[in-house]
C-alpha atoms as a PDB file:
ATOM      1  CA  MET A   1      99.232   1.872 -40.900  1.00  0.00           C
ATOM      2  CA  ALA A   2     100.741  -0.318 -43.637  1.00  0.00           C
ATOM      3  CA  LEU A   3     100.339  -4.089 -43.712  1.00  0.00           C
ATOM      4  CA  SER A   4     103.427  -6.259 -43.325  1.00  0.00           C
ATOM      5  CA  VAL A   5     103.757  -9.909 -44.274  1.00  0.00           C
ATOM      6  CA  ASP A   6     105.344 -10.711 -40.922  1.00  0.00           C
ATOM      7  CA  TYR A   7     102.408  -9.210 -39.027  1.00  0.00           C
ATOM      8  CA  VAL A   8      99.774 -10.973 -41.130  1.00  0.00           C
ATOM      9  CA  VAL A   9     101.477 -14.378 -40.832  1.00  0.00           C
ATOM     10  CA  ARG A  10     102.025 -14.015 -37.090  1.00  0.00           C
ATOM     11  CA  GLU A  11      98.480 -12.895 -36.316  1.00  0.00           C
ATOM     12  CA  THR A  12      96.914 -15.530 -38.545  1.00  0.00           C
ATOM     13  CA  ALA A  13      98.983 -18.284 -36.908  1.00  0.00           C
ATOM     14  CA  THR A  14      97.975 -16.991 -33.476  1.00  0.00           C
ATOM     15  CA  ASN A  15      94.287 -17.073 -34.375  1.00  0.00           C
ATOM     16  CA  LEU A  16      94.537 -20.611 -35.749  1.00  0.00           C
ATOM     17  CA  ARG A  17      96.357 -21.806 -32.634  1.00  0.00           C
ATOM     18  CA  ARG A  18      93.914 -20.159 -30.223  1.00  0.00           C
ATOM     19  CA  ASN A  19      90.899 -21.813 -31.858  1.00  0.00           C
ATOM     20  CA  LEU A  20      92.533 -25.146 -32.622  1.00  0.00           C
ATOM     21  CA  LEU A  21      89.499 -27.390 -32.054  1.00  0.00           C
ATOM     22  CA  MET A  22      87.190 -25.182 -34.113  1.00  0.00           C
ATOM     23  CA  THR A  23      89.837 -24.966 -36.828  1.00  0.00           C
ATOM     24  CA  VAL A  24      90.226 -28.754 -36.954  1.00  0.00           C
ATOM     25  CA  ALA A  25      86.441 -29.186 -37.123  1.00  0.00           C
ATOM     26  CA  ALA A  26      86.152 -26.686 -39.978  1.00  0.00           C
ATOM     27  CA  VAL A  27      89.052 -28.250 -41.900  1.00  0.00           C
ATOM     28  CA  LEU A  28      87.627 -31.764 -41.534  1.00  0.00           C
ATOM     29  CA  THR A  29      84.173 -30.652 -42.634  1.00  0.00           C
ATOM     30  CA  VAL A  30      85.611 -28.926 -45.704  1.00  0.00           C
ATOM     31  CA  ALA A  31      87.723 -32.005 -46.463  1.00  0.00           C
ATOM     32  CA  VAL A  32      84.782 -34.414 -46.279  1.00  0.00           C
ATOM     33  CA  SER A  33      82.450 -32.209 -48.315  1.00  0.00           C
ATOM     34  CA  LEU A  34      85.003 -31.489 -51.039  1.00  0.00           C
ATOM     35  CA  SER A  35      85.993 -35.159 -51.176  1.00  0.00           C
ATOM     36  CA  LEU A  36      82.355 -35.900 -52.008  1.00  0.00           C
ATOM     37  CA  VAL A  37      82.356 -33.156 -54.640  1.00  0.00           C
ATOM     38  CA  GLY A  38      85.550 -34.561 -56.159  1.00  0.00           C
ATOM     39  CA  GLY A  39      84.138 -38.090 -56.123  1.00  0.00           C
ATOM     40  CA  ALA A  40      80.963 -36.948 -57.872  1.00  0.00           C
ATOM     41  CA  LEU A  41      82.992 -35.141 -60.543  1.00  0.00           C
ATOM     42  CA  LEU A  42      85.168 -38.215 -61.129  1.00  0.00           C
ATOM     43  CA  LEU A  43      82.022 -40.310 -61.457  1.00  0.00           C
ATOM     44  CA  LYS A  44      80.589 -37.857 -63.985  1.00  0.00           C
ATOM     45  CA  GLN A  45      83.796 -37.912 -66.048  1.00  0.00           C
ATOM     46  CA  GLY A  46      83.921 -41.705 -65.917  1.00  0.00           C
ATOM     47  CA  VAL A  47      80.340 -42.020 -67.134  1.00  0.00           C
ATOM     48  CA  ALA A  48      81.064 -39.581 -69.958  1.00  0.00           C
ATOM     49  CA  ARG A  49      83.971 -41.801 -71.044  1.00  0.00           C
ATOM     50  CA  ALA A  50      81.996 -45.029 -70.716  1.00  0.00           C
ATOM     51  CA  THR A  51      79.130 -43.655 -72.811  1.00  0.00           C
ATOM     52  CA  LEU A  52      81.338 -41.913 -75.375  1.00  0.00           C
ATOM     53  CA  ARG A  53      80.013 -43.858 -78.335  1.00  0.00           C
ATOM     54  CA  TRP A  54      76.413 -42.980 -77.447  1.00  0.00           C
ATOM     55  CA  ARG A  55      76.780 -39.185 -77.545  1.00  0.00           C
ATOM     56  CA  GLY A  56      74.760 -37.063 -79.911  1.00  0.00           C
ATOM     57  CA  GLY A  57      71.618 -39.168 -79.555  1.00  0.00           C
ATOM     58  CA  VAL A  58      73.147 -42.379 -80.927  1.00  0.00           C
ATOM     59  CA  GLU A  59      70.955 -45.278 -79.791  1.00  0.00           C
ATOM     60  CA  LEU A  60      72.214 -48.038 -82.060  1.00  0.00           C
ATOM     61  CA  SER A  61      75.559 -49.233 -83.431  1.00  0.00           C
ATOM     62  CA  ILE A  62      75.947 -51.775 -86.224  1.00  0.00           C
ATOM     63  CA  PHE A  63      79.425 -53.339 -86.181  1.00  0.00           C
ATOM     64  CA  LEU A  64      80.699 -54.835 -89.410  1.00  0.00           C
ATOM     65  CA  ASP A  65      82.512 -58.116 -89.701  1.00  0.00           C
ATOM     66  CA  PRO A  66      86.259 -57.682 -90.412  1.00  0.00           C
ATOM     67  CA  LYS A  67      85.721 -59.828 -93.509  1.00  0.00           C
ATOM     68  CA  ALA A  68      82.763 -57.778 -94.746  1.00  0.00           C
ATOM     69  CA  THR A  69      83.096 -56.829 -98.408  1.00  0.00           C
ATOM     70  CA  PRO A  70      82.650 -53.266 -99.702  1.00  0.00           C
ATOM     71  CA  SER A  71      79.438 -54.343-101.402  1.00  0.00           C
ATOM     72  CA  GLN A  72      78.023 -55.665 -98.116  1.00  0.00           C
ATOM     73  CA  ALA A  73      78.914 -52.406 -96.340  1.00  0.00           C
ATOM     74  CA  SER A  74      77.358 -50.448 -99.187  1.00  0.00           C
ATOM     75  CA  ALA A  75      74.168 -52.524 -98.971  1.00  0.00           C
ATOM     76  CA  ILE A  76      73.855 -51.734 -95.248  1.00  0.00           C
ATOM     77  CA  GLU A  77      74.360 -48.026 -95.917  1.00  0.00           C
ATOM     78  CA  GLN A  78      71.763 -48.052 -98.695  1.00  0.00           C
ATOM     79  CA  GLN A  79      69.264 -49.820 -96.473  1.00  0.00           C
ATOM     80  CA  LEU A  80      69.789 -47.235 -93.723  1.00  0.00           C
ATOM     81  CA  ALA A  81      69.308 -44.439 -96.242  1.00  0.00           C
ATOM     82  CA  SER A  82      66.040 -46.047 -97.369  1.00  0.00           C
ATOM     83  CA  MET A  83      64.556 -45.831 -93.854  1.00  0.00           C
ATOM     84  CA  PRO A  84      63.885 -42.075 -93.397  1.00  0.00           C
ATOM     85  CA  ASP A  85      60.754 -42.852 -91.380  1.00  0.00           C
ATOM     86  CA  LEU A  86      62.891 -44.561 -88.711  1.00  0.00           C
ATOM     87  CA  VAL A  87      66.438 -43.231 -89.107  1.00  0.00           C
ATOM     88  CA  LYS A  88      67.152 -39.573 -88.365  1.00  0.00           C
ATOM     89  CA  LYS A  89      70.830 -39.800 -89.325  1.00  0.00           C
ATOM     90  CA  PHE A  90      73.717 -42.247 -89.373  1.00  0.00           C
ATOM     91  CA  THR A  91      77.503 -41.982 -89.423  1.00  0.00           C
ATOM     92  CA  TYR A  92      80.110 -44.414 -90.681  1.00  0.00           C
ATOM     93  CA  TYR A  93      83.087 -45.004 -88.369  1.00  0.00           C
ATOM     94  CA  ASP A  94      86.114 -46.311 -90.241  1.00  0.00           C
ATOM     95  CA  HIS A  95      89.159 -47.878 -88.564  1.00  0.00           C
ATOM     96  CA  ASP A  96      90.815 -44.520 -87.826  1.00  0.00           C
ATOM     97  CA  ALA A  97      87.667 -43.025 -86.269  1.00  0.00           C
ATOM     98  CA  ALA A  98      87.153 -46.178 -84.197  1.00  0.00           C
ATOM     99  CA  TYR A  99      90.766 -46.042 -83.004  1.00  0.00           C
ATOM    100  CA  LYS A 100      90.466 -42.365 -82.052  1.00  0.00           C
ATOM    101  CA  GLU A 101      87.406 -43.198 -79.966  1.00  0.00           C
ATOM    102  CA  PHE A 102      89.188 -46.208 -78.462  1.00  0.00           C
ATOM    103  CA  LYS A 103      92.094 -43.993 -77.350  1.00  0.00           C
ATOM    104  CA  GLN A 104      89.683 -41.652 -75.567  1.00  0.00           C
ATOM    105  CA  MET A 105      87.865 -44.493 -73.849  1.00  0.00           C
ATOM    106  CA  PHE A 106      91.032 -46.306 -72.716  1.00  0.00           C
ATOM    107  CA  ALA A 107      93.385 -43.364 -72.158  1.00  0.00           C
ATOM    108  CA  ASN A 108      94.193 -44.746 -68.691  1.00  0.00           C
ATOM    109  CA  SER A 109      95.193 -48.192 -70.060  1.00  0.00           C
ATOM    110  CA  PRO A 110      98.466 -47.744 -71.969  1.00  0.00           C
ATOM    111  CA  ASP A 111      99.025 -51.517 -72.226  1.00  0.00           C
ATOM    112  CA  GLU A 112      95.767 -51.983 -74.103  1.00  0.00           C
ATOM    113  CA  LEU A 113      96.493 -49.019 -76.363  1.00  0.00           C
ATOM    114  CA  ALA A 114      99.909 -50.430 -77.231  1.00  0.00           C
ATOM    115  CA  SER A 115      98.449 -53.811 -78.151  1.00  0.00           C
ATOM    116  CA  ILE A 116      95.728 -52.473 -80.481  1.00  0.00           C
ATOM    117  CA  SER A 117      96.132 -50.969 -83.946  1.00  0.00           C
ATOM    118  CA  PRO A 118      93.425 -49.192 -85.988  1.00  0.00           C
ATOM    119  CA  THR A 119      92.898 -52.231 -88.215  1.00  0.00           C
ATOM    120  CA  ASP A 120      92.137 -54.389 -85.159  1.00  0.00           C
ATOM    121  CA  LEU A 121      88.977 -52.402 -84.446  1.00  0.00           C
ATOM    122  CA  PRO A 122      85.741 -53.067 -86.340  1.00  0.00           C
ATOM    123  CA  THR A 123      84.127 -50.445 -88.532  1.00  0.00           C
ATOM    124  CA  SER A 124      80.564 -49.502 -87.667  1.00  0.00           C
ATOM    125  CA  TYR A 125      77.523 -47.396 -88.382  1.00  0.00           C
ATOM    126  CA  ARG A 126      76.286 -45.145 -85.565  1.00  0.00           C
ATOM    127  CA  ILE A 127      72.563 -44.516 -85.902  1.00  0.00           C
ATOM    128  CA  VAL A 128      70.335 -41.834 -84.424  1.00  0.00           C
ATOM    129  CA  PRO A 129      66.701 -42.992 -84.725  1.00  0.00           C
ATOM    130  CA  LYS A 130      63.850 -40.520 -85.015  1.00  0.00           C
ATOM    131  CA  ARG A 131      62.431 -42.064 -81.853  1.00  0.00           C
ATOM    132  CA  ALA A 132      64.582 -43.819 -79.262  1.00  0.00           C
ATOM    133  CA  GLU A 133      62.013 -46.617 -78.979  1.00  0.00           C
ATOM    134  CA  ASP A 134      62.618 -47.487 -82.662  1.00  0.00           C
ATOM    135  CA  ALA A 135      66.244 -48.509 -82.036  1.00  0.00           C
ATOM    136  CA  ALA A 136      65.373 -52.163 -81.408  1.00  0.00           C
ATOM    137  CA  LEU A 137      63.203 -52.286 -84.549  1.00  0.00           C
ATOM    138  CA  ILE A 138      66.010 -50.883 -86.698  1.00  0.00           C
ATOM    139  CA  GLY A 139      68.491 -53.315 -85.186  1.00  0.00           C
ATOM    140  CA  SER A 140      66.228 -56.288 -85.873  1.00  0.00           C
ATOM    141  CA  ARG A 141      66.299 -55.499 -89.603  1.00  0.00           C
ATOM    142  CA  PHE A 142      70.092 -55.904 -89.662  1.00  0.00           C
ATOM    143  CA  LYS A 143      70.419 -58.814 -87.253  1.00  0.00           C
ATOM    144  CA  ASP A 144      71.133 -61.417 -89.928  1.00  0.00           C
ATOM    145  CA  ALA A 145      72.364 -59.061 -92.656  1.00  0.00           C
ATOM    146  CA  PRO A 146      75.525 -60.163 -94.508  1.00  0.00           C
ATOM    147  CA  GLY A 147      78.635 -58.445 -93.194  1.00  0.00           C
ATOM    148  CA  VAL A 148      77.164 -57.596 -89.771  1.00  0.00           C
ATOM    149  CA  SER A 149      79.020 -59.022 -86.764  1.00  0.00           C
ATOM    150  CA  ASP A 150      77.191 -57.364 -83.868  1.00  0.00           C
ATOM    151  CA  ILE A 151      74.448 -54.886 -83.035  1.00  0.00           C
ATOM    152  CA  ALA A 152      74.704 -52.824 -79.847  1.00  0.00           C
ATOM    153  CA  LEU A 153      71.742 -50.977 -78.370  1.00  0.00           C
ATOM    154  CA  ALA A 154      72.264 -48.048 -76.006  1.00  0.00           C
ATOM    155  CA  GLN A 155      69.111 -49.046 -74.185  1.00  0.00           C
ATOM    156  CA  LYS A 156      70.722 -52.261 -73.015  1.00  0.00           C
ATOM    157  CA  THR A 157      74.276 -51.094 -72.354  1.00  0.00           C
ATOM    158  CA  VAL A 158      73.834 -47.576 -71.004  1.00  0.00           C
ATOM    159  CA  ASP A 159      70.429 -47.089 -69.373  1.00  0.00           C
ATOM    160  CA  THR A 160      71.239 -48.977 -66.175  1.00  0.00           C
ATOM    161  CA  LEU A 161      74.613 -47.259 -65.843  1.00  0.00           C
ATOM    162  CA  LEU A 162      73.088 -43.795 -66.301  1.00  0.00           C
ATOM    163  CA  LYS A 163      70.254 -44.415 -63.852  1.00  0.00           C
ATOM    164  CA  VAL A 164      72.534 -45.695 -61.113  1.00  0.00           C
ATOM    165  CA  THR A 165      75.235 -43.070 -61.541  1.00  0.00           C
ATOM    166  CA  ARG A 166      72.730 -40.208 -61.870  1.00  0.00           C
ATOM    167  CA  ALA A 167      71.116 -41.188 -58.581  1.00  0.00           C
ATOM    168  CA  LEU A 168      74.550 -41.482 -56.958  1.00  0.00           C
ATOM    169  CA  GLN A 169      75.621 -38.073 -58.243  1.00  0.00           C
ATOM    170  CA  ILE A 170      72.473 -36.365 -56.997  1.00  0.00           C
ATOM    171  CA  GLY A 171      72.821 -37.988 -53.591  1.00  0.00           C
ATOM    172  CA  ILE A 172      76.545 -37.258 -53.272  1.00  0.00           C
ATOM    173  CA  LEU A 173      76.246 -33.624 -54.398  1.00  0.00           C
ATOM    174  CA  SER A 174      73.264 -33.026 -52.101  1.00  0.00           C
ATOM    175  CA  VAL A 175      75.205 -34.259 -49.078  1.00  0.00           C
ATOM    176  CA  ALA A 176      78.270 -32.280 -50.226  1.00  0.00           C
ATOM    177  CA  ALA A 177      76.215 -29.072 -50.531  1.00  0.00           C
ATOM    178  CA  VAL A 178      74.910 -29.460 -46.980  1.00  0.00           C
ATOM    179  CA  LEU A 179      78.418 -30.135 -45.674  1.00  0.00           C
ATOM    180  CA  LEU A 180      79.879 -27.168 -47.565  1.00  0.00           C
ATOM    181  CA  LEU A 181      77.258 -24.919 -46.002  1.00  0.00           C
ATOM    182  CA  SER A 182      78.126 -26.394 -42.612  1.00  0.00           C
ATOM    183  CA  ALA A 183      81.820 -25.791 -43.294  1.00  0.00           C
ATOM    184  CA  SER A 184      81.176 -22.147 -44.192  1.00  0.00           C
ATOM    185  CA  LEU A 185      79.188 -21.694 -40.974  1.00  0.00           C
ATOM    186  CA  LEU A 186      81.934 -23.380 -38.941  1.00  0.00           C
ATOM    187  CA  ILE A 187      84.551 -21.082 -40.462  1.00  0.00           C
ATOM    188  CA  LEU A 188      82.309 -18.090 -39.812  1.00  0.00           C
ATOM    189  CA  ASN A 189      81.874 -19.125 -36.183  1.00  0.00           C
ATOM    190  CA  THR A 190      85.621 -19.729 -35.773  1.00  0.00           C
ATOM    191  CA  ILE A 191      86.365 -16.215 -37.030  1.00  0.00           C
ATOM    192  CA  ARG A 192      83.648 -14.786 -34.794  1.00  0.00           C
ATOM    193  CA  ILE A 193      85.244 -16.424 -31.745  1.00  0.00           C
ATOM    194  CA  ALA A 194      88.678 -15.141 -32.784  1.00  0.00           C
ATOM    195  CA  ILE A 195      87.280 -11.623 -33.147  1.00  0.00           C
ATOM    196  CA  PHE A 196      85.590 -11.818 -29.738  1.00  0.00           C
ATOM    197  CA  ALA A 197      88.768 -13.132 -28.062  1.00  0.00           C
ATOM    198  CA  ARG A 198      90.778 -10.217 -29.461  1.00  0.00           C
ATOM    199  CA  ARG A 199      88.198  -7.470 -29.104  1.00  0.00           C
ATOM    200  CA  ARG A 200      90.398  -5.440 -26.721  1.00  0.00           C
ATOM    201  CA  GLU A 201      93.404  -5.691 -29.077  1.00  0.00           C
ATOM    202  CA  VAL A 202      91.197  -4.581 -31.965  1.00  0.00           C
ATOM    203  CA  ALA A 203      90.011  -1.584 -29.946  1.00  0.00           C
ATOM    204  CA  VAL A 204      93.603  -0.617 -29.123  1.00  0.00           C
ATOM    205  CA  MET A 205      94.684  -0.947 -32.767  1.00  0.00           C
ATOM    206  CA  LYS A 206      91.836   1.340 -33.816  1.00  0.00           C
ATOM    207  CA  LEU A 207      92.899   3.912 -31.213  1.00  0.00           C
ATOM    208  CA  VAL A 208      96.482   4.000 -32.524  1.00  0.00           C
ATOM    209  CA  GLY A 209      95.311   4.490 -36.117  1.00  0.00           C
ATOM    210  CA  ALA A 210      95.221   0.992 -37.629  1.00  0.00           C
ATOM    211  CA  THR A 211      93.282   0.877 -40.903  1.00  0.00           C
ATOM    212  CA  ASN A 212      90.262  -1.364 -41.416  1.00  0.00           C
ATOM    213  CA  TRP A 213      92.164  -3.682 -43.751  1.00  0.00           C
ATOM    214  CA  PHE A 214      95.101  -3.883 -41.331  1.00  0.00           C
ATOM    215  CA  ILE A 215      92.691  -5.376 -38.781  1.00  0.00           C
ATOM    216  CA  ARG A 216      90.606  -7.460 -41.179  1.00  0.00           C
ATOM    217  CA  VAL A 217      93.216  -9.243 -43.293  1.00  0.00           C
ATOM    218  CA  PRO A 218      94.532 -11.718 -40.641  1.00  0.00           C
ATOM    219  CA  PHE A 219      90.983 -12.832 -39.840  1.00  0.00           C
ATOM    220  CA  MET A 220      90.101 -13.252 -43.513  1.00  0.00           C
ATOM    221  CA  LEU A 221      93.308 -15.133 -44.216  1.00  0.00           C
ATOM    222  CA  GLU A 222      92.550 -17.461 -41.299  1.00  0.00           C
ATOM    223  CA  GLY A 223      89.280 -18.556 -42.915  1.00  0.00           C
ATOM    224  CA  MET A 224      90.890 -18.980 -46.328  1.00  0.00           C
ATOM    225  CA  ILE A 225      93.653 -21.163 -44.851  1.00  0.00           C
ATOM    226  CA  GLN A 226      91.055 -23.379 -43.166  1.00  0.00           C
ATOM    227  CA  GLY A 227      89.266 -23.839 -46.496  1.00  0.00           C
ATOM    228  CA  LEU A 228      92.507 -24.551 -48.346  1.00  0.00           C
ATOM    229  CA  LEU A 229      93.727 -27.066 -45.751  1.00  0.00           C
ATOM    230  CA  GLY A 230      90.474 -28.969 -46.100  1.00  0.00           C
ATOM    231  CA  ALA A 231      90.747 -28.773 -49.887  1.00  0.00           C
ATOM    232  CA  VAL A 232      94.309 -30.127 -49.847  1.00  0.00           C
ATOM    233  CA  ALA A 233      93.095 -33.128 -47.848  1.00  0.00           C
ATOM    234  CA  ALA A 234      90.228 -33.581 -50.330  1.00  0.00           C
ATOM    235  CA  PHE A 235      92.712 -33.362 -53.231  1.00  0.00           C
ATOM    236  CA  GLY A 236      94.584 -36.305 -51.749  1.00  0.00           C
ATOM    237  CA  VAL A 237      91.345 -38.241 -51.287  1.00  0.00           C
ATOM    238  CA  VAL A 238      90.401 -37.634 -54.950  1.00  0.00           C
ATOM    239  CA  LEU A 239      93.722 -39.067 -56.152  1.00  0.00           C
ATOM    240  CA  VAL A 240      93.490 -42.044 -53.796  1.00  0.00           C
ATOM    241  CA  LEU A 241      89.886 -42.670 -54.863  1.00  0.00           C
ATOM    242  CA  ARG A 242      90.898 -42.674 -58.522  1.00  0.00           C
ATOM    243  CA  GLY A 243      93.654 -45.179 -57.742  1.00  0.00           C
ATOM    244  CA  LEU A 244      91.286 -47.463 -55.815  1.00  0.00           C
ATOM    245  CA  VAL A 245      88.773 -47.491 -58.678  1.00  0.00           C
ATOM    246  CA  GLU A 246      91.537 -48.284 -61.154  1.00  0.00           C
ATOM    247  CA  HIS A 247      92.774 -51.117 -58.953  1.00  0.00           C
ATOM    248  CA  ALA A 248      89.258 -52.551 -58.643  1.00  0.00           C
ATOM    249  CA  VAL A 249      88.444 -52.530 -62.358  1.00  0.00           C
ATOM    250  CA  ARG A 250      91.787 -54.093 -63.264  1.00  0.00           C
ATOM    251  CA  HIS A 251      91.264 -57.025 -60.899  1.00  0.00           C
ATOM    252  CA  TYR A 252      87.553 -57.680 -61.427  1.00  0.00           C
ATOM    253  CA  ASP A 253      85.477 -58.180 -64.549  1.00  0.00           C
ATOM    254  CA  LEU A 254      83.138 -55.177 -64.345  1.00  0.00           C
ATOM    255  CA  GLY A 255      82.085 -54.944 -67.982  1.00  0.00           C
ATOM    256  CA  LEU A 256      81.151 -51.411 -69.026  1.00  0.00           C
ATOM    257  CA  PHE A 257      82.328 -50.132 -65.629  1.00  0.00           C
ATOM    258  CA  ASP A 258      85.927 -50.817 -66.704  1.00  0.00           C
ATOM    259  CA  GLN A 259      85.786 -47.533 -68.594  1.00  0.00           C
ATOM    260  CA  LEU A 260      84.780 -45.485 -65.538  1.00  0.00           C
ATOM    261  CA  VAL A 261      88.433 -44.957 -64.579  1.00  0.00           C
ATOM    262  CA  VAL A 262      89.495 -41.441 -65.531  1.00  0.00           C
ATOM    263  CA  PRO A 263      93.089 -40.599 -66.531  1.00  0.00           C
ATOM    264  CA  THR A 264      95.404 -39.224 -63.851  1.00  0.00           C
ATOM    265  CA  HIS A 265      95.527 -35.766 -65.460  1.00  0.00           C
ATOM    266  CA  ASP A 266      91.703 -35.537 -65.265  1.00  0.00           C
ATOM    267  CA  ALA A 267      91.838 -36.467 -61.583  1.00  0.00           C
ATOM    268  CA  ILE A 268      94.483 -33.771 -61.026  1.00  0.00           C
ATOM    269  CA  ASN A 269      92.313 -31.184 -62.811  1.00  0.00           C
ATOM    270  CA  THR A 270      89.420 -32.196 -60.567  1.00  0.00           C
ATOM    271  CA  GLY A 271      91.692 -31.803 -57.545  1.00  0.00           C
ATOM    272  CA  ILE A 272      92.671 -28.291 -58.660  1.00  0.00           C
ATOM    273  CA  PHE A 273      88.983 -27.399 -58.949  1.00  0.00           C
ATOM    274  CA  VAL A 274      88.467 -28.742 -55.424  1.00  0.00           C
ATOM    275  CA  LEU A 275      91.296 -26.483 -54.183  1.00  0.00           C
ATOM    276  CA  LEU A 276      89.628 -23.453 -55.745  1.00  0.00           C
ATOM    277  CA  VAL A 277      86.283 -24.316 -54.167  1.00  0.00           C
ATOM    278  CA  GLY A 278      87.949 -24.783 -50.775  1.00  0.00           C
ATOM    279  CA  GLY A 279      89.618 -21.384 -50.990  1.00  0.00           C
ATOM    280  CA  ILE A 280      86.325 -19.754 -51.996  1.00  0.00           C
ATOM    281  CA  VAL A 281      84.386 -21.435 -49.178  1.00  0.00           C
ATOM    282  CA  GLY A 282      86.939 -20.280 -46.625  1.00  0.00           C
ATOM    283  CA  ALA A 283      87.090 -16.760 -48.066  1.00  0.00           C
ATOM    284  CA  VAL A 284      83.304 -16.386 -48.125  1.00  0.00           C
ATOM    285  CA  GLY A 285      82.865 -17.658 -44.570  1.00  0.00           C
ATOM    286  CA  SER A 286      85.579 -15.393 -43.185  1.00  0.00           C
ATOM    287  CA  ALA A 287      84.430 -12.361 -45.215  1.00  0.00           C
ATOM    288  CA  VAL A 288      80.880 -12.680 -43.879  1.00  0.00           C
ATOM    289  CA  ALA A 289      82.206 -13.065 -40.317  1.00  0.00           C
ATOM    290  CA  VAL A 290      84.455 -10.012 -40.604  1.00  0.00           C
ATOM    291  CA  ARG A 291      81.701  -7.921 -42.119  1.00  0.00           C
ATOM    292  CA  ARG A 292      79.131  -8.946 -39.527  1.00  0.00           C
ATOM    293  CA  PHE A 293      81.095  -9.235 -36.291  1.00  0.00           C
ATOM    294  CA  LEU A 294      84.134  -6.961 -36.692  1.00  0.00           C
ATOM    295  CA  ASP A 295      83.118  -3.391 -35.994  1.00  0.00           C
ATOM    296  CA  VAL A 296      85.803  -1.405 -37.880  1.00  0.00           C
END
């Protein structure tokens, strides 16, 4: 017996309507859990943007004064090169490199990008110490050096942010994992009830020669639709959450947290990932239910 789109759509709609309360519960659980997943991913992306300059083990940045002479910059570089016992490596960031980094960090702030040119940004040396605890010692040697305007330590600017956000991510993802498992079980139970309610129809279809897939597909599609509906709701929550964070950081002075806002296209990519996860959760729950409770 061949499958027809009309039959699959009709039977799936019937199953969803018959188990409306269970369907709503499953969709809401998927939506809440995937909203948490999306929020955790946005937080991770925001932290990656906020700590961009500290990647690769960089613990210390020495920013040069705009009026620093080439000889002063050269003296700083020579001094860094003469400290192999403390400095593992260092990199010079000219105006173009600083501007490229600035564009990545403030991709969601077109007004700021339009008002800044490469020459407006200070040049700097990014330093990877042999031991992270030596960063302050290295910085102290350049504190009053000619041509130096500022010294930034990762320990002061990043550690608190990483600790707080890491704890938040672990907590959010743990709750999301529990809720996703609950959603899968709810979908499984919804399909089981649908199978039980239609057990006589299933028996008749088997007697008239219906294939296994002819019977299974509507039930499996029901679970996938529940997962996708929850994921669509979570997609909307992810976009709204991104907008709320952007609104907050533009109206309050949050320091380093200003850079936690991710660009819209990153939020959309996160939403697409959430849709995929929702479809998978629904498909897995319904597939297990069909395999376990549908005797075909």
